PDB file of N, CA and C in Angstrom:
ATOM      1  N   ALA A   1      17.299 -11.723  19.427  1.00  0.00           N
ATOM      2  CA  ALA A   1      17.408 -12.682  18.366  1.00  0.00           C
ATOM      3  C   ALA A   1      18.402 -13.756  18.769  1.00  0.00           C
ATOM      4  N   ALA A   2      19.618 -13.742  18.238  1.00  0.00           N
ATOM      5  CA  ALA A   2      20.592 -14.797  18.547  1.00  0.00           C
ATOM      6  C   ALA A   2      21.290 -14.478  19.862  1.00  0.00           C
ATOM      7  N   GLY A   3      21.294 -15.452  20.759  1.00  0.00           N
ATOM      8  CA  GLY A   3      21.849 -15.223  22.082  1.00  0.00           C
ATOM      9  C   GLY A   3      23.361 -15.389  22.158  1.00  0.00           C
ATOM     10  N   LYS A   4      23.958 -16.074  21.186  1.00  0.00           N
ATOM     11  CA  LYS A   4      25.387 -16.363  21.260  1.00  0.00           C
ATOM     12  C   LYS A   4      26.204 -15.534  20.283  1.00  0.00           C
ATOM     13  N   GLY A   5      25.686 -14.398  19.849  1.00  0.00           N
ATOM     14  CA  GLY A   5      26.430 -13.549  18.937  1.00  0.00           C
ATOM     15  C   GLY A   5      26.441 -14.069  17.524  1.00  0.00           C
ATOM     16  N   GLY A   6      25.478 -14.917  17.168  1.00  0.00           N
ATOM     17  CA  GLY A   6      25.393 -15.461  15.814  1.00  0.00           C
ATOM     18  C   GLY A   6      24.808 -14.436  14.854  1.00  0.00           C
ATOM     19  N   TYR A   7      24.625 -14.859  13.629  1.00  0.00           N
ATOM     20  CA  TYR A   7      24.079 -13.979  12.599  1.00  0.00           C
ATOM     21  C   TYR A   7      22.650 -13.580  12.936  1.00  0.00           C
ATOM     22  N   VAL A   8      22.362 -12.304  12.795  1.00  0.00           N
ATOM     23  CA  VAL A   8      21.010 -11.795  12.984  1.00  0.00           C
ATOM     24  C   VAL A   8      20.597 -11.115  11.679  1.00  0.00           C
ATOM     25  N   PRO A   9      19.525 -11.571  11.035  1.00  0.00           N
ATOM     26  CA  PRO A   9      19.089 -10.942   9.790  1.00  0.00           C
ATOM     27  C   PRO A   9      18.790  -9.456  10.003  1.00  0.00           C
ATOM     28  N   PRO A  10      19.019  -8.620   8.985  1.00  0.00           N
ATOM     29  CA  PRO A  10      18.797  -7.177   9.138  1.00  0.00           C
ATOM     30  C   PRO A  10      17.400  -6.829   9.632  1.00  0.00           C
ATOM     31  N   ALA A  11      16.393  -7.585   9.210  1.00  0.00           N
ATOM     32  CA  ALA A  11      15.019  -7.284   9.616  1.00  0.00           C
ATOM     33  C   ALA A  11      14.805  -7.486  11.110  1.00  0.00           C
ATOM     34  N   LEU A  12      15.657  -8.301  11.742  1.00  0.00           N
ATOM     35  CA  LEU A  12      15.496  -8.589  13.168  1.00  0.00           C
ATOM     36  C   LEU A  12      16.490  -7.841  14.039  1.00  0.00           C
ATOM     37  N   ARG A  13      17.421  -7.139  13.436  1.00  0.00           N
ATOM     38  CA  ARG A  13      18.417  -6.407  14.217  1.00  0.00           C
ATOM     39  C   ARG A  13      17.764  -5.270  14.981  1.00  0.00           C
ATOM     40  N   GLY A  14      18.180  -5.126  16.231  1.00  0.00           N
ATOM     41  CA  GLY A  14      17.669  -4.018  17.037  1.00  0.00           C
ATOM     42  C   GLY A  14      16.224  -4.177  17.433  1.00  0.00           C
ATOM     43  N   THR A  15      15.695  -5.402  17.403  1.00  0.00           N
ATOM     44  CA  THR A  15      14.293  -5.570  17.762  1.00  0.00           C
ATOM     45  C   THR A  15      14.063  -5.448  19.259  1.00  0.00           C
ATOM     46  N   GLN A  16      15.101  -5.572  20.050  1.00  0.00           N
ATOM     47  CA  GLN A  16      14.970  -5.357  21.484  1.00  0.00           C
ATOM     48  C   GLN A  16      15.649  -4.039  21.848  1.00  0.00           C
ATOM     49  N   GLY A  17      14.888  -2.973  21.857  1.00  0.00           N
ATOM     50  CA  GLY A  17      15.427  -1.659  22.196  1.00  0.00           C
ATOM     51  C   GLY A  17      15.695  -1.559  23.689  1.00  0.00           C
ATOM     52  N   ALA A  18      16.262  -0.443  24.104  1.00  0.00           N
ATOM     53  CA  ALA A  18      16.586  -0.229  25.513  1.00  0.00           C
ATOM     54  C   ALA A  18      15.331  -0.277  26.387  1.00  0.00           C
ATOM     55  N   ASP A  19      14.204   0.123  25.812  1.00  0.00           N
ATOM     56  CA  ASP A  19      12.962   0.099  26.584  1.00  0.00           C
ATOM     57  C   ASP A  19      12.289  -1.271  26.550  1.00  0.00           C
ATOM     58  N   GLY A  20      12.875  -2.221  25.813  1.00  0.00           N
ATOM     59  CA  GLY A  20      12.328  -3.571  25.739  1.00  0.00           C
ATOM     60  C   GLY A  20      11.108  -3.693  24.858  1.00  0.00           C
ATOM     61  N   LYS A  21      10.770  -2.621  24.137  1.00  0.00           N
ATOM     62  CA  LYS A  21       9.559  -2.630  23.322  1.00  0.00           C
ATOM     63  C   LYS A  21       9.813  -2.920  21.854  1.00  0.00           C
ATOM     64  N   GLY A  22      11.012  -3.190  21.488  1.00  0.00           N
ATOM     65  CA  GLY A  22      11.258  -3.483  20.080  1.00  0.00           C
ATOM     66  C   GLY A  22      11.803  -2.278  19.354  1.00  0.00           C
ATOM     67  N   GLY A  23      12.425  -2.541  18.231  1.00  0.00           N
ATOM     68  CA  GLY A  23      13.123  -1.499  17.484  1.00  0.00           C
ATOM     69  C   GLY A  23      12.224  -0.712  16.573  1.00  0.00           C
ATOM     70  N   LYS A  24      12.847   0.171  15.847  1.00  0.00           N
ATOM     71  CA  LYS A  24      12.108   1.048  14.953  1.00  0.00           C
ATOM     72  C   LYS A  24      12.207   0.525  13.531  1.00  0.00           C
ATOM     73  N   GLY A  25      11.320  -0.363  13.158  1.00  0.00           N
ATOM     74  CA  GLY A  25      11.327  -0.883  11.807  1.00  0.00           C
ATOM     75  C   GLY A  25      10.335  -0.110  10.967  1.00  0.00           C
ATOM     76  N   LYS A  26      10.409  -0.283   9.678  1.00  0.00           N
ATOM     77  CA  LYS A  26       9.452   0.370   8.794  1.00  0.00           C
ATOM     78  C   LYS A  26       8.458  -0.635   8.245  1.00  0.00           C
ATOM     79  N   GLY A  27       8.330  -1.765   8.910  1.00  0.00           N
ATOM     80  CA  GLY A  27       7.356  -2.747   8.472  1.00  0.00           C
ATOM     81  C   GLY A  27       7.884  -3.682   7.405  1.00  0.00           C
ATOM     82  N   LYS A  28       9.135  -3.564   7.039  1.00  0.00           N
ATOM     83  CA  LYS A  28       9.704  -4.455   6.019  1.00  0.00           C
ATOM     84  C   LYS A  28      10.373  -5.626   6.712  1.00  0.00           C
ATOM     85  N   GLY A  29      10.152  -6.813   6.237  1.00  0.00           N
ATOM     86  CA  GLY A  29      10.817  -7.994   6.772  1.00  0.00           C
ATOM     87  C   GLY A  29      10.357  -8.335   8.174  1.00  0.00           C
ATOM     88  N   GLY A  30      10.599  -9.553   8.567  1.00  0.00           N
ATOM     89  CA  GLY A  30      10.274  -9.967   9.923  1.00  0.00           C
ATOM     90  C   GLY A  30       8.796 -10.232  10.137  1.00  0.00           C
ATOM     91  N   GLY A  31       7.933  -9.587   9.394  1.00  0.00           N
ATOM     92  CA  GLY A  31       6.507  -9.752   9.604  1.00  0.00           C
ATOM     93  C   GLY A  31       5.801 -10.295   8.381  1.00  0.00           C
ATOM     94  N   GLY A  32       6.402 -11.195   7.679  1.00  0.00           N
ATOM     95  CA  GLY A  32       5.771 -11.746   6.489  1.00  0.00           C
ATOM     96  C   GLY A  32       5.847 -10.756   5.349  1.00  0.00           C
ATOM     97  N   PHE A  33       4.675 -10.379   4.802  1.00  0.00           N
ATOM     98  CA  PHE A  33       4.671  -9.432   3.686  1.00  0.00           C
ATOM     99  C   PHE A  33       3.962  -8.162   4.109  1.00  0.00           C
ATOM    100  N   ASP A  34       4.521  -7.484   5.108  1.00  0.00           N
ATOM    101  CA  ASP A  34       3.905  -6.280   5.644  1.00  0.00           C
ATOM    102  C   ASP A  34       3.643  -5.218   4.582  1.00  0.00           C
ATOM    103  N   GLY A  35       4.544  -5.074   3.626  1.00  0.00           N
ATOM    104  CA  GLY A  35       4.382  -4.062   2.598  1.00  0.00           C
ATOM    105  C   GLY A  35       3.122  -4.275   1.782  1.00  0.00           C
ATOM    106  N   GLN A  36       2.671  -5.516   1.657  1.00  0.00           N
ATOM    107  CA  GLN A  36       1.482  -5.825   0.878  1.00  0.00           C
ATOM    108  C   GLN A  36       0.224  -5.786   1.735  1.00  0.00           C
ATOM    109  N   GLU A  37       0.398  -5.828   3.030  1.00  0.00           N
ATOM    110  CA  GLU A  37      -0.733  -6.034   3.917  1.00  0.00           C
ATOM    111  C   GLU A  37      -1.821  -4.979   3.780  1.00  0.00           C
ATOM    112  N   ALA A  38      -1.439  -3.719   3.568  1.00  0.00           N
ATOM    113  CA  ALA A  38      -2.432  -2.654   3.471  1.00  0.00           C
ATOM    114  C   ALA A  38      -2.473  -2.091   2.057  1.00  0.00           C
ATOM    115  N   SER A  39      -2.188  -2.926   1.066  1.00  0.00           N
ATOM    116  CA  SER A  39      -2.181  -2.483  -0.333  1.00  0.00           C
ATOM    117  C   SER A  39      -3.484  -2.856  -1.023  1.00  0.00           C
ATOM    118  N   LEU A  40      -3.973  -1.909  -1.807  1.00  0.00           N
ATOM    119  CA  LEU A  40      -5.198  -2.111  -2.558  1.00  0.00           C
ATOM    120  C   LEU A  40      -4.904  -2.041  -4.042  1.00  0.00           C
ATOM    121  N   ARG A  41      -5.683  -2.751  -4.825  1.00  0.00           N
ATOM    122  CA  ARG A  41      -5.605  -2.634  -6.268  1.00  0.00           C
ATOM    123  C   ARG A  41      -6.896  -1.980  -6.721  1.00  0.00           C
ATOM    124  N   VAL A  42      -6.752  -0.963  -7.543  1.00  0.00           N
ATOM    125  CA  VAL A  42      -7.897  -0.209  -8.033  1.00  0.00           C
ATOM    126  C   VAL A  42      -8.000  -0.434  -9.541  1.00  0.00           C
ATOM    127  N   PHE A  43      -9.164  -0.897  -9.990  1.00  0.00           N
ATOM    128  CA  PHE A  43      -9.405  -1.182 -11.407  1.00  0.00           C
ATOM    129  C   PHE A  43     -10.361  -0.161 -11.994  1.00  0.00           C
ATOM    130  N   ASN A  44     -10.431  -0.165 -13.319  1.00  0.00           N
ATOM    131  CA  ASN A  44     -11.420   0.605 -14.066  1.00  0.00           C
ATOM    132  C   ASN A  44     -11.247   2.113 -13.882  1.00  0.00           C
ATOM    133  N   LEU A  45     -10.006   2.560 -13.997  1.00  0.00           N
ATOM    134  CA  LEU A  45      -9.722   3.992 -13.945  1.00  0.00           C
ATOM    135  C   LEU A  45      -9.654   4.541 -15.366  1.00  0.00           C
ATOM    136  N   SER A  46      -9.973   5.802 -15.529  1.00  0.00           N
ATOM    137  CA  SER A  46      -9.943   6.393 -16.867  1.00  0.00           C
ATOM    138  C   SER A  46      -8.511   6.684 -17.313  1.00  0.00           C
ATOM    139  N   ASP A  47      -8.344   6.928 -18.589  1.00  0.00           N
ATOM    140  CA  ASP A  47      -7.025   7.255 -19.141  1.00  0.00           C
ATOM    141  C   ASP A  47      -6.508   8.582 -18.601  1.00  0.00           C
ATOM    142  N   ASP A  48      -7.400   9.445 -18.176  1.00  0.00           N
ATOM    143  CA  ASP A  48      -7.023  10.802 -17.765  1.00  0.00           C
ATOM    144  C   ASP A  48      -6.619  10.925 -16.299  1.00  0.00           C
ATOM    145  N   VAL A  49      -6.814   9.871 -15.515  1.00  0.00           N
ATOM    146  CA  VAL A  49      -6.553   9.965 -14.078  1.00  0.00           C
ATOM    147  C   VAL A  49      -5.055  10.162 -13.815  1.00  0.00           C
ATOM    148  N   ARG A  50      -4.738  10.907 -12.755  1.00  0.00           N
ATOM    149  CA  ARG A  50      -3.350  11.167 -12.379  1.00  0.00           C
ATOM    150  C   ARG A  50      -3.133  10.697 -10.939  1.00  0.00           C
ATOM    151  N   GLU A  51      -1.859  10.472 -10.584  1.00  0.00           N
ATOM    152  CA  GLU A  51      -1.545  10.024  -9.225  1.00  0.00           C
ATOM    153  C   GLU A  51      -2.074  10.998  -8.186  1.00  0.00           C
ATOM    154  N   GLY A  52      -1.971  12.284  -8.465  1.00  0.00           N
ATOM    155  CA  GLY A  52      -2.461  13.300  -7.530  1.00  0.00           C
ATOM    156  C   GLY A  52      -3.951  13.172  -7.275  1.00  0.00           C
ATOM    157  N   ASP A  53      -4.709  12.823  -8.325  1.00  0.00           N
ATOM    158  CA  ASP A  53      -6.156  12.619  -8.172  1.00  0.00           C
ATOM    159  C   ASP A  53      -6.423  11.479  -7.195  1.00  0.00           C
ATOM    160  N   LEU A  54      -5.656  10.398  -7.355  1.00  0.00           N
ATOM    161  CA  LEU A  54      -5.836   9.225  -6.490  1.00  0.00           C
ATOM    162  C   LEU A  54      -5.405   9.541  -5.055  1.00  0.00           C
ATOM    163  N   GLN A  55      -4.343  10.327  -4.905  1.00  0.00           N
ATOM    164  CA  GLN A  55      -3.904  10.717  -3.558  1.00  0.00           C
ATOM    165  C   GLN A  55      -4.996  11.513  -2.858  1.00  0.00           C
ATOM    166  N   ASP A  56      -5.611  12.438  -3.577  1.00  0.00           N
ATOM    167  CA  ASP A  56      -6.694  13.240  -2.993  1.00  0.00           C
ATOM    168  C   ASP A  56      -7.886  12.361  -2.617  1.00  0.00           C
ATOM    169  N   LEU A  57      -8.254  11.467  -3.511  1.00  0.00           N
ATOM    170  CA  LEU A  57      -9.429  10.631  -3.294  1.00  0.00           C
ATOM    171  C   LEU A  57      -9.221   9.629  -2.154  1.00  0.00           C
ATOM    172  N   PHE A  58      -8.119   8.869  -2.217  1.00  0.00           N
ATOM    173  CA  PHE A  58      -7.885   7.835  -1.214  1.00  0.00           C
ATOM    174  C   PHE A  58      -7.341   8.406   0.093  1.00  0.00           C
ATOM    175  N   GLY A  59      -6.734   9.580   0.027  1.00  0.00           N
ATOM    176  CA  GLY A  59      -6.208  10.225   1.233  1.00  0.00           C
ATOM    177  C   GLY A  59      -7.306  10.593   2.225  1.00  0.00           C
ATOM    178  N   GLN A  60      -8.545  10.673   1.751  1.00  0.00           N
ATOM    179  CA  GLN A  60      -9.671  10.953   2.643  1.00  0.00           C
ATOM    180  C   GLN A  60      -9.921   9.804   3.615  1.00  0.00           C
ATOM    181  N   CYS A  61      -9.440   8.620   3.267  1.00  0.00           N
ATOM    182  CA  CYS A  61      -9.704   7.425   4.070  1.00  0.00           C
ATOM    183  C   CYS A  61      -8.603   7.150   5.095  1.00  0.00           C
ATOM    184  N   GLY A  62      -7.467   7.807   4.965  1.00  0.00           N
ATOM    185  CA  GLY A  62      -6.367   7.576   5.907  1.00  0.00           C
ATOM    186  C   GLY A  62      -5.036   7.982   5.293  1.00  0.00           C
ATOM    187  N   ARG A  63      -3.975   7.761   6.071  1.00  0.00           N
ATOM    188  CA  ARG A  63      -2.637   8.173   5.655  1.00  0.00           C
ATOM    189  C   ARG A  63      -2.085   7.222   4.602  1.00  0.00           C
ATOM    190  N   LEU A  64      -1.707   7.770   3.460  1.00  0.00           N
ATOM    191  CA  LEU A  64      -1.193   6.969   2.350  1.00  0.00           C
ATOM    192  C   LEU A  64       0.311   6.783   2.468  1.00  0.00           C
ATOM    193  N   GLN A  65       0.757   5.580   2.164  1.00  0.00           N
ATOM    194  CA  GLN A  65       2.182   5.293   2.128  1.00  0.00           C
ATOM    195  C   GLN A  65       2.704   5.431   0.701  1.00  0.00           C
ATOM    196  N   ARG A  66       1.915   4.945  -0.272  1.00  0.00           N
ATOM    197  CA  ARG A  66       2.383   4.943  -1.660  1.00  0.00           C
ATOM    198  C   ARG A  66       1.196   4.885  -2.608  1.00  0.00           C
ATOM    199  N   VAL A  67       1.319   5.595  -3.719  1.00  0.00           N
ATOM    200  CA  VAL A  67       0.330   5.521  -4.792  1.00  0.00           C
ATOM    201  C   VAL A  67       1.099   5.202  -6.065  1.00  0.00           C
ATOM    202  N   PHE A  68       0.727   4.112  -6.725  1.00  0.00           N
ATOM    203  CA  PHE A  68       1.359   3.741  -7.992  1.00  0.00           C
ATOM    204  C   PHE A  68       0.292   3.613  -9.050  1.00  0.00           C
ATOM    205  N   LEU A  69       0.364   4.478 -10.047  1.00  0.00           N
ATOM    206  CA  LEU A  69      -0.565   4.435 -11.169  1.00  0.00           C
ATOM    207  C   LEU A  69       0.162   3.831 -12.356  1.00  0.00           C
ATOM    208  N   ALA A  70      -0.346   2.721 -12.872  1.00  0.00           N
ATOM    209  CA  ALA A  70       0.276   2.076 -14.031  1.00  0.00           C
ATOM    210  C   ALA A  70       0.025   2.937 -15.264  1.00  0.00           C
ATOM    211  N   LYS A  71       1.128   3.265 -15.969  1.00  0.00           N
ATOM    212  CA  LYS A  71       1.017   4.129 -17.151  1.00  0.00           C
ATOM    213  C   LYS A  71       1.660   3.464 -18.356  1.00  0.00           C
ATOM    214  N   ASP A  72       1.133   3.792 -19.526  1.00  0.00           N
ATOM    215  CA  ASP A  72       1.711   3.333 -20.777  1.00  0.00           C
ATOM    216  C   ASP A  72       3.060   4.022 -20.967  1.00  0.00           C
ATOM    217  N   MET A  73       4.076   3.271 -21.338  1.00  0.00           N
ATOM    218  CA  MET A  73       5.432   3.813 -21.456  1.00  0.00           C
ATOM    219  C   MET A  73       5.531   4.903 -22.523  1.00  0.00           C
ATOM    220  N   GLU A  74       4.800   4.755 -23.612  1.00  0.00           N
ATOM    221  CA  GLU A  74       4.917   5.717 -24.714  1.00  0.00           C
ATOM    222  C   GLU A  74       4.001   6.917 -24.548  1.00  0.00           C
ATOM    223  N   THR A  75       2.734   6.667 -24.253  1.00  0.00           N
ATOM    224  CA  THR A  75       1.768   7.766 -24.209  1.00  0.00           C
ATOM    225  C   THR A  75       1.683   8.423 -22.828  1.00  0.00           C
ATOM    226  N   LYS A  76       2.197   7.764 -21.807  1.00  0.00           N
ATOM    227  CA  LYS A  76       2.157   8.265 -20.420  1.00  0.00           C
ATOM    228  C   LYS A  76       0.743   8.397 -19.876  1.00  0.00           C
ATOM    229  N   THR A  77      -0.229   7.750 -20.522  1.00  0.00           N
ATOM    230  CA  THR A  77      -1.597   7.765 -20.007  1.00  0.00           C
ATOM    231  C   THR A  77      -1.816   6.547 -19.119  1.00  0.00           C
ATOM    232  N   SER A  78      -2.819   6.624 -18.290  1.00  0.00           N
ATOM    233  CA  SER A  78      -3.134   5.549 -17.358  1.00  0.00           C
ATOM    234  C   SER A  78      -3.496   4.266 -18.097  1.00  0.00           C
ATOM    235  N   LYS A  79      -3.079   3.131 -17.524  1.00  0.00           N
ATOM    236  CA  LYS A  79      -3.470   1.828 -18.075  1.00  0.00           C
ATOM    237  C   LYS A  79      -4.789   1.352 -17.472  1.00  0.00           C
ATOM    238  N   GLY A  80      -5.342   2.137 -16.567  1.00  0.00           N
ATOM    239  CA  GLY A  80      -6.650   1.799 -16.020  1.00  0.00           C
ATOM    240  C   GLY A  80      -6.618   1.121 -14.662  1.00  0.00           C
ATOM    241  N   PHE A  81      -5.419   0.965 -14.066  1.00  0.00           N
ATOM    242  CA  PHE A  81      -5.374   0.397 -12.720  1.00  0.00           C
ATOM    243  C   PHE A  81      -4.249   1.039 -11.919  1.00  0.00           C
ATOM    244  N   ALA A  82      -4.358   0.899 -10.610  1.00  0.00           N
ATOM    245  CA  ALA A  82      -3.366   1.493  -9.712  1.00  0.00           C
ATOM    246  C   ALA A  82      -3.259   0.657  -8.452  1.00  0.00           C
ATOM    247  N   PHE A  83      -2.164   0.840  -7.727  1.00  0.00           N
ATOM    248  CA  PHE A  83      -1.984   0.240  -6.408  1.00  0.00           C
ATOM    249  C   PHE A  83      -1.883   1.361  -5.398  1.00  0.00           C
ATOM    250  N   ILE A  84      -2.643   1.254  -4.325  1.00  0.00           N
ATOM    251  CA  ILE A  84      -2.646   2.246  -3.256  1.00  0.00           C
ATOM    252  C   ILE A  84      -2.239   1.530  -1.980  1.00  0.00           C
ATOM    253  N   THR A  85      -1.230   2.029  -1.292  1.00  0.00           N
ATOM    254  CA  THR A  85      -0.784   1.407  -0.040  1.00  0.00           C
ATOM    255  C   THR A  85      -0.998   2.383   1.107  1.00  0.00           C
ATOM    256  N   PHE A  86      -1.701   1.915   2.114  1.00  0.00           N
ATOM    257  CA  PHE A  86      -1.942   2.692   3.325  1.00  0.00           C
ATOM    258  C   PHE A  86      -0.964   2.254   4.403  1.00  0.00           C
ATOM    259  N   TYR A  87      -0.794   3.095   5.414  1.00  0.00           N
ATOM    260  CA  TYR A  87       0.064   2.734   6.538  1.00  0.00           C
ATOM    261  C   TYR A  87      -0.587   1.703   7.442  1.00  0.00           C
ATOM    262  N   ASN A  88      -1.916   1.643   7.467  1.00  0.00           N
ATOM    263  CA  ASN A  88      -2.540   0.594   8.275  1.00  0.00           C
ATOM    264  C   ASN A  88      -3.752   0.002   7.569  1.00  0.00           C
ATOM    265  N   ARG A  89      -4.066  -1.197   7.976  1.00  0.00           N
ATOM    266  CA  ARG A  89      -5.097  -1.998   7.332  1.00  0.00           C
ATOM    267  C   ARG A  89      -6.502  -1.432   7.529  1.00  0.00           C
ATOM    268  N   GLU A  90      -6.728  -0.790   8.657  1.00  0.00           N
ATOM    269  CA  GLU A  90      -8.061  -0.240   8.932  1.00  0.00           C
ATOM    270  C   GLU A  90      -8.412   0.859   7.927  1.00  0.00           C
ATOM    271  N   ASP A  91      -7.432   1.720   7.617  1.00  0.00           N
ATOM    272  CA  ASP A  91      -7.676   2.776   6.634  1.00  0.00           C
ATOM    273  C   ASP A  91      -7.929   2.179   5.257  1.00  0.00           C
ATOM    274  N   ALA A  92      -7.186   1.128   4.922  1.00  0.00           N
ATOM    275  CA  ALA A  92      -7.360   0.472   3.628  1.00  0.00           C
ATOM    276  C   ALA A  92      -8.757  -0.137   3.535  1.00  0.00           C
ATOM    277  N   GLN A  93      -9.211  -0.779   4.608  1.00  0.00           N
ATOM    278  CA  GLN A  93     -10.552  -1.374   4.608  1.00  0.00           C
ATOM    279  C   GLN A  93     -11.608  -0.282   4.464  1.00  0.00           C
ATOM    280  N   ARG A  94     -11.379   0.857   5.116  1.00  0.00           N
ATOM    281  CA  ARG A  94     -12.304   1.986   5.008  1.00  0.00           C
ATOM    282  C   ARG A  94     -12.384   2.452   3.542  1.00  0.00           C
ATOM    283  N   ALA A  95     -11.240   2.475   2.854  1.00  0.00           N
ATOM    284  CA  ALA A  95     -11.216   2.886   1.454  1.00  0.00           C
ATOM    285  C   ALA A  95     -11.999   1.901   0.580  1.00  0.00           C
ATOM    286  N   ILE A  96     -11.843   0.608   0.859  1.00  0.00           N
ATOM    287  CA  ILE A  96     -12.610  -0.393   0.105  1.00  0.00           C
ATOM    288  C   ILE A  96     -14.107  -0.168   0.321  1.00  0.00           C
ATOM    289  N   ASP A  97     -14.496  -0.025   1.584  1.00  0.00           N
ATOM    290  CA  ASP A  97     -15.913   0.147   1.913  1.00  0.00           C
ATOM    291  C   ASP A  97     -16.497   1.406   1.264  1.00  0.00           C
ATOM    292  N   LYS A  98     -15.711   2.467   1.253  1.00  0.00           N
ATOM    293  CA  LYS A  98     -16.210   3.754   0.764  1.00  0.00           C
ATOM    294  C   LYS A  98     -16.132   3.885  -0.760  1.00  0.00           C
ATOM    295  N   LEU A  99     -15.064   3.363  -1.367  1.00  0.00           N
ATOM    296  CA  LEU A  99     -14.797   3.681  -2.769  1.00  0.00           C
ATOM    297  C   LEU A  99     -15.053   2.540  -3.765  1.00  0.00           C
ATOM    298  N   ASN A 100     -15.209   1.304  -3.293  1.00  0.00           N
ATOM    299  CA  ASN A 100     -15.520   0.217  -4.227  1.00  0.00           C
ATOM    300  C   ASN A 100     -16.917   0.452  -4.781  1.00  0.00           C
ATOM    301  N   GLY A 101     -17.025   0.519  -6.110  1.00  0.00           N
ATOM    302  CA  GLY A 101     -18.307   0.808  -6.740  1.00  0.00           C
ATOM    303  C   GLY A 101     -18.591   2.288  -6.867  1.00  0.00           C
ATOM    304  N   HIS A 102     -17.640   3.120  -6.459  1.00  0.00           N
ATOM    305  CA  HIS A 102     -17.779   4.581  -6.512  1.00  0.00           C
ATOM    306  C   HIS A 102     -17.607   5.064  -7.949  1.00  0.00           C
ATOM    307  N   GLY A 103     -18.480   5.941  -8.387  1.00  0.00           N
ATOM    308  CA  GLY A 103     -18.352   6.522  -9.720  1.00  0.00           C
ATOM    309  C   GLY A 103     -17.252   7.574  -9.707  1.00  0.00           C
ATOM    310  N   TYR A 104     -16.309   7.446 -10.620  1.00  0.00           N
ATOM    311  CA  TYR A 104     -15.223   8.416 -10.696  1.00  0.00           C
ATOM    312  C   TYR A 104     -14.848   8.623 -12.152  1.00  0.00           C
ATOM    313  N   ASP A 105     -14.932   9.855 -12.618  1.00  0.00           N
ATOM    314  CA  ASP A 105     -14.570  10.202 -13.988  1.00  0.00           C
ATOM    315  C   ASP A 105     -15.350   9.349 -14.999  1.00  0.00           C
ATOM    316  N   ASN A 106     -16.661   9.246 -14.783  1.00  0.00           N
ATOM    317  CA  ASN A 106     -17.587   8.516 -15.668  1.00  0.00           C
ATOM    318  C   ASN A 106     -17.386   7.004 -15.684  1.00  0.00           C
ATOM    319  N   LEU A 107     -16.593   6.462 -14.762  1.00  0.00           N
ATOM    320  CA  LEU A 107     -16.415   5.015 -14.661  1.00  0.00           C
ATOM    321  C   LEU A 107     -16.689   4.577 -13.225  1.00  0.00           C
ATOM    322  N   ILE A 108     -17.021   3.309 -13.060  1.00  0.00           N
ATOM    323  CA  ILE A 108     -17.262   2.751 -11.731  1.00  0.00           C
ATOM    324  C   ILE A 108     -15.988   2.032 -11.284  1.00  0.00           C
ATOM    325  N   MET A 109     -15.351   2.558 -10.231  1.00  0.00           N
ATOM    326  CA  MET A 109     -14.100   1.967  -9.738  1.00  0.00           C
ATOM    327  C   MET A 109     -14.364   0.654  -9.020  1.00  0.00           C
ATOM    328  N   LYS A 110     -13.406  -0.255  -9.149  1.00  0.00           N
ATOM    329  CA  LYS A 110     -13.421  -1.487  -8.366  1.00  0.00           C
ATOM    330  C   LYS A 110     -12.175  -1.438  -7.478  1.00  0.00           C
ATOM    331  N   VAL A 111     -12.374  -1.573  -6.171  1.00  0.00           N
ATOM    332  CA  VAL A 111     -11.269  -1.503  -5.219  1.00  0.00           C
ATOM    333  C   VAL A 111     -11.251  -2.791  -4.409  1.00  0.00           C
ATOM    334  N   GLU A 112     -10.096  -3.465  -4.373  1.00  0.00           N
ATOM    335  CA  GLU A 112      -9.982  -4.716  -3.624  1.00  0.00           C
ATOM    336  C   GLU A 112      -8.576  -4.846  -3.056  1.00  0.00           C
ATOM    337  N   TRP A 113      -8.390  -5.804  -2.170  1.00  0.00           N
ATOM    338  CA  TRP A 113      -7.055  -6.065  -1.610  1.00  0.00           C
ATOM    339  C   TRP A 113      -6.127  -6.531  -2.711  1.00  0.00           C
ATOM    340  N   ALA A 114      -4.916  -6.002  -2.724  1.00  0.00           N
ATOM    341  CA  ALA A 114      -3.911  -6.457  -3.689  1.00  0.00           C
ATOM    342  C   ALA A 114      -3.409  -7.814  -3.267  1.00  0.00           C
ATOM    343  N   LYS A 115      -3.147  -8.651  -4.243  1.00  0.00           N
ATOM    344  CA  LYS A 115      -2.596  -9.976  -3.940  1.00  0.00           C
ATOM    345  C   LYS A 115      -1.085  -9.873  -3.905  1.00  0.00           C
ATOM    346  N   PRO A 116      -0.418 -10.565  -2.971  1.00  0.00           N
ATOM    347  CA  PRO A 116       1.041 -10.511  -2.904  1.00  0.00           C
ATOM    348  C   PRO A 116       1.666 -11.050  -4.187  1.00  0.00           C
ATOM    349  N   ARG A 117       2.839 -10.530  -4.505  1.00  0.00           N
ATOM    350  CA  ARG A 117       3.558 -11.006  -5.682  1.00  0.00           C
ATOM    351  C   ARG A 117       3.946 -12.461  -5.482  1.00  0.00           C
ATOM    352  N   ALA A 118       3.917 -13.214  -6.574  1.00  0.00           N
ATOM    353  CA  ALA A 118       4.279 -14.639  -6.485  1.00  0.00           C
ATOM    354  C   ALA A 118       5.776 -14.808  -6.484  1.00  0.00           C
TER     355      ALA A 118
END
């Protein structure tokens, strides 16, 4: 990063490891919006769906990083949508191809790429 000992942002620190191949980042910072890159938004979920159900279903397509099911604060039931984040984009695309339009719990799921936060 900085050659004269200047400020180096945390996301860029240690990017040149001893092997010259770059540091061990978790995909945050430095690469635009990496956290959003493999995130999907799932619509039209039933009130009864649970995070574990989504982990089982989407986990068939690849390694999951995060599952967030939007729930009503008072009733704790599903609001009908969720965000699923995969570790890589190929698995996320596989999930879209396989599960978009898939019947689940008497409803037809819609699965698409999540849009980055504004």
